[in-house]
Amino acid sequence: MQQNSLTQKERAYLKDALELENLCIAKYGVYADQCADHELKNMMFSIAKNKRHNANMIKQELGNSEFLYQ
């Protein structure tokens, strides 16, 4: 989908979704840092990685590809 084809309401929805994904990334990072169990820590990092992927996809739809997570 191209940036110009999004309605104002769709862009607002995607911006809200991006904020929620960013919040999840931060929270799962904190949770992973607090985990003593190695398997649980890896699972939290994996979820955070998945959330970064989601955030990057949303940013691409919004046309903010210069701020993608690595």
N, C-alpha and C. Protein backbone atom coordinates (compact mmCIF):
# COMPACT_ATOMS: atom_id res chain seq x y z
N MET A 1 0.84 -1.17 0.00
CA MET A 1 0.00 0.00 0.00
C MET A 1 0.89 1.24 0.00
N GLN A 2 0.57 2.19 -0.81
CA GLN A 2 1.36 3.41 -0.88
C GLN A 2 0.87 4.41 0.15
N GLN A 3 1.78 5.28 0.55
CA GLN A 3 1.47 6.27 1.58
C GLN A 3 0.27 7.13 1.21
N ASN A 4 0.17 7.54 -0.05
CA ASN A 4 -0.91 8.43 -0.47
C ASN A 4 -2.26 7.75 -0.52
N SER A 5 -2.30 6.42 -0.53
CA SER A 5 -3.57 5.73 -0.63
C SER A 5 -4.24 5.52 0.73
N LEU A 6 -3.57 5.91 1.81
CA LEU A 6 -4.16 5.77 3.15
C LEU A 6 -5.05 6.97 3.46
N THR A 7 -6.19 6.67 4.05
CA THR A 7 -7.04 7.76 4.51
C THR A 7 -6.48 8.31 5.82
N GLN A 8 -6.98 9.45 6.22
CA GLN A 8 -6.54 10.05 7.49
C GLN A 8 -6.86 9.13 8.66
N LYS A 9 -8.00 8.49 8.61
CA LYS A 9 -8.40 7.57 9.68
C LYS A 9 -7.48 6.35 9.72
N GLU A 10 -7.12 5.82 8.56
CA GLU A 10 -6.22 4.68 8.50
C GLU A 10 -4.84 5.05 9.04
N ARG A 11 -4.34 6.22 8.68
CA ARG A 11 -3.04 6.68 9.19
C ARG A 11 -3.08 6.83 10.71
N ALA A 12 -4.18 7.36 11.24
CA ALA A 12 -4.33 7.52 12.69
C ALA A 12 -4.33 6.15 13.37
N TYR A 13 -5.04 5.20 12.77
CA TYR A 13 -5.08 3.85 13.33
C TYR A 13 -3.68 3.24 13.34
N LEU A 14 -2.95 3.37 12.22
CA LEU A 14 -1.61 2.81 12.14
C LEU A 14 -0.66 3.48 13.13
N LYS A 15 -0.80 4.77 13.34
CA LYS A 15 0.04 5.46 14.32
C LYS A 15 -0.24 4.95 15.73
N ASP A 16 -1.51 4.72 16.04
CA ASP A 16 -1.87 4.15 17.35
C ASP A 16 -1.29 2.74 17.50
N ALA A 17 -1.42 1.94 16.44
CA ALA A 17 -0.89 0.58 16.47
C ALA A 17 0.63 0.60 16.65
N LEU A 18 1.30 1.55 16.01
CA LEU A 18 2.74 1.66 16.14
C LEU A 18 3.14 2.02 17.57
N GLU A 19 2.40 2.91 18.19
CA GLU A 19 2.67 3.26 19.59
C GLU A 19 2.54 2.04 20.49
N LEU A 20 1.52 1.23 20.25
CA LEU A 20 1.32 0.03 21.05
C LEU A 20 2.43 -0.99 20.83
N GLU A 21 2.86 -1.15 19.58
CA GLU A 21 3.97 -2.06 19.30
C GLU A 21 5.25 -1.58 19.99
N ASN A 22 5.51 -0.28 19.95
CA ASN A 22 6.70 0.26 20.61
C ASN A 22 6.64 0.05 22.12
N LEU A 23 5.47 0.18 22.70
CA LEU A 23 5.30 -0.08 24.13
C LEU A 23 5.60 -1.54 24.45
N CYS A 24 5.10 -2.44 23.61
CA CYS A 24 5.36 -3.87 23.82
C CYS A 24 6.84 -4.19 23.69
N ILE A 25 7.52 -3.58 22.72
CA ILE A 25 8.96 -3.80 22.54
C ILE A 25 9.69 -3.44 23.83
N ALA A 26 9.36 -2.28 24.37
CA ALA A 26 10.03 -1.82 25.61
C ALA A 26 9.71 -2.76 26.78
N LYS A 27 8.46 -3.13 26.92
CA LYS A 27 8.07 -3.99 28.04
C LYS A 27 8.71 -5.37 27.96
N TYR A 28 8.68 -5.99 26.78
CA TYR A 28 9.27 -7.33 26.67
C TYR A 28 10.78 -7.28 26.86
N GLY A 29 11.42 -6.19 26.49
CA GLY A 29 12.85 -6.03 26.77
C GLY A 29 13.12 -5.99 28.26
N VAL A 30 12.29 -5.25 29.00
CA VAL A 30 12.42 -5.17 30.45
C VAL A 30 12.14 -6.54 31.08
N TYR A 31 11.09 -7.20 30.61
CA TYR A 31 10.76 -8.52 31.16
C TYR A 31 11.91 -9.50 30.93
N ALA A 32 12.49 -9.47 29.73
CA ALA A 32 13.60 -10.38 29.42
C ALA A 32 14.79 -10.11 30.34
N ASP A 33 15.07 -8.85 30.60
CA ASP A 33 16.18 -8.51 31.48
C ASP A 33 15.96 -9.00 32.91
N GLN A 34 14.71 -9.13 33.31
CA GLN A 34 14.39 -9.55 34.66
C GLN A 34 14.29 -11.06 34.83
N CYS A 35 14.30 -11.79 33.72
CA CYS A 35 14.14 -13.25 33.78
C CYS A 35 15.43 -13.93 34.20
N ALA A 36 15.31 -14.84 35.14
CA ALA A 36 16.45 -15.66 35.54
C ALA A 36 16.51 -16.93 34.70
N ASP A 37 15.37 -17.41 34.27
CA ASP A 37 15.29 -18.62 33.46
C ASP A 37 15.71 -18.31 32.02
N HIS A 38 16.70 -19.02 31.53
CA HIS A 38 17.27 -18.76 30.20
C HIS A 38 16.23 -18.95 29.09
N GLU A 39 15.43 -20.01 29.20
CA GLU A 39 14.42 -20.29 28.17
C GLU A 39 13.36 -19.20 28.14
N LEU A 40 12.92 -18.76 29.30
CA LEU A 40 11.93 -17.70 29.38
C LEU A 40 12.50 -16.38 28.86
N LYS A 41 13.76 -16.10 29.18
CA LYS A 41 14.43 -14.90 28.68
C LYS A 41 14.46 -14.89 27.16
N ASN A 42 14.83 -16.03 26.58
CA ASN A 42 14.87 -16.14 25.11
C ASN A 42 13.49 -15.95 24.49
N MET A 43 12.46 -16.47 25.17
CA MET A 43 11.10 -16.30 24.66
C MET A 43 10.71 -14.82 24.67
N MET A 44 11.05 -14.09 25.72
CA MET A 44 10.74 -12.66 25.80
C MET A 44 11.47 -11.87 24.71
N PHE A 45 12.75 -12.20 24.49
CA PHE A 45 13.51 -11.54 23.43
C PHE A 45 12.91 -11.86 22.06
N SER A 46 12.45 -13.09 21.89
CA SER A 46 11.83 -13.49 20.62
C SER A 46 10.54 -12.71 20.37
N ILE A 47 9.74 -12.53 21.41
CA ILE A 47 8.51 -11.76 21.28
C ILE A 47 8.84 -10.31 20.94
N ALA A 48 9.84 -9.74 21.59
CA ALA A 48 10.26 -8.37 21.31
C ALA A 48 10.72 -8.24 19.86
N LYS A 49 11.44 -9.24 19.37
CA LYS A 49 11.91 -9.23 17.98
C LYS A 49 10.72 -9.25 17.02
N ASN A 50 9.71 -10.06 17.33
CA ASN A 50 8.51 -10.12 16.51
C ASN A 50 7.79 -8.77 16.51
N LYS A 51 7.73 -8.13 17.67
CA LYS A 51 7.09 -6.82 17.77
C LYS A 51 7.86 -5.77 16.97
N ARG A 52 9.20 -5.86 16.96
CA ARG A 52 10.01 -4.94 16.14
C ARG A 52 9.69 -5.12 14.67
N HIS A 53 9.52 -6.38 14.26
CA HIS A 53 9.15 -6.66 12.87
C HIS A 53 7.79 -6.03 12.55
N ASN A 54 6.83 -6.19 13.45
CA ASN A 54 5.51 -5.58 13.25
C ASN A 54 5.61 -4.07 13.15
N ALA A 55 6.40 -3.46 14.04
CA ALA A 55 6.56 -2.01 14.04
C ALA A 55 7.19 -1.54 12.73
N ASN A 56 8.16 -2.29 12.22
CA ASN A 56 8.79 -1.93 10.96
C ASN A 56 7.80 -1.98 9.80
N MET A 57 6.94 -2.98 9.81
CA MET A 57 5.92 -3.09 8.75
C MET A 57 4.97 -1.91 8.81
N ILE A 58 4.57 -1.52 10.00
CA ILE A 58 3.67 -0.36 10.15
C ILE A 58 4.37 0.91 9.68
N LYS A 59 5.63 1.07 10.06
CA LYS A 59 6.39 2.26 9.65
C LYS A 59 6.51 2.33 8.13
N GLN A 60 6.70 1.20 7.50
CA GLN A 60 6.78 1.19 6.04
C GLN A 60 5.46 1.65 5.42
N GLU A 61 4.35 1.19 6.00
CA GLU A 61 3.04 1.62 5.50
C GLU A 61 2.84 3.11 5.69
N LEU A 62 3.38 3.64 6.77
CA LEU A 62 3.25 5.07 7.05
C LEU A 62 4.28 5.91 6.29
N GLY A 63 5.25 5.24 5.67
CA GLY A 63 6.27 5.96 4.94
C GLY A 63 7.40 6.46 5.80
N ASN A 64 7.62 5.83 6.96
CA ASN A 64 8.68 6.21 7.89
C ASN A 64 9.81 5.19 7.89
N SER A 65 10.21 4.71 6.73
CA SER A 65 11.19 3.63 6.66
C SER A 65 12.57 4.03 7.17
N GLU A 66 12.87 5.34 7.28
CA GLU A 66 14.19 5.74 7.77
C GLU A 66 14.35 5.49 9.26
N PHE A 67 13.27 5.19 9.98
CA PHE A 67 13.33 4.96 11.42
C PHE A 67 13.08 3.50 11.78
N LEU A 68 13.40 2.58 10.88
CA LEU A 68 13.15 1.17 11.13
C LEU A 68 14.06 0.63 12.21
N TYR A 69 13.54 -0.31 13.01
CA TYR A 69 14.34 -1.01 14.01
C TYR A 69 15.24 -2.00 13.31
N GLN A 70 16.40 -2.20 13.89
CA GLN A 70 17.33 -3.20 13.34
C GLN A 70 17.35 -4.42 14.22
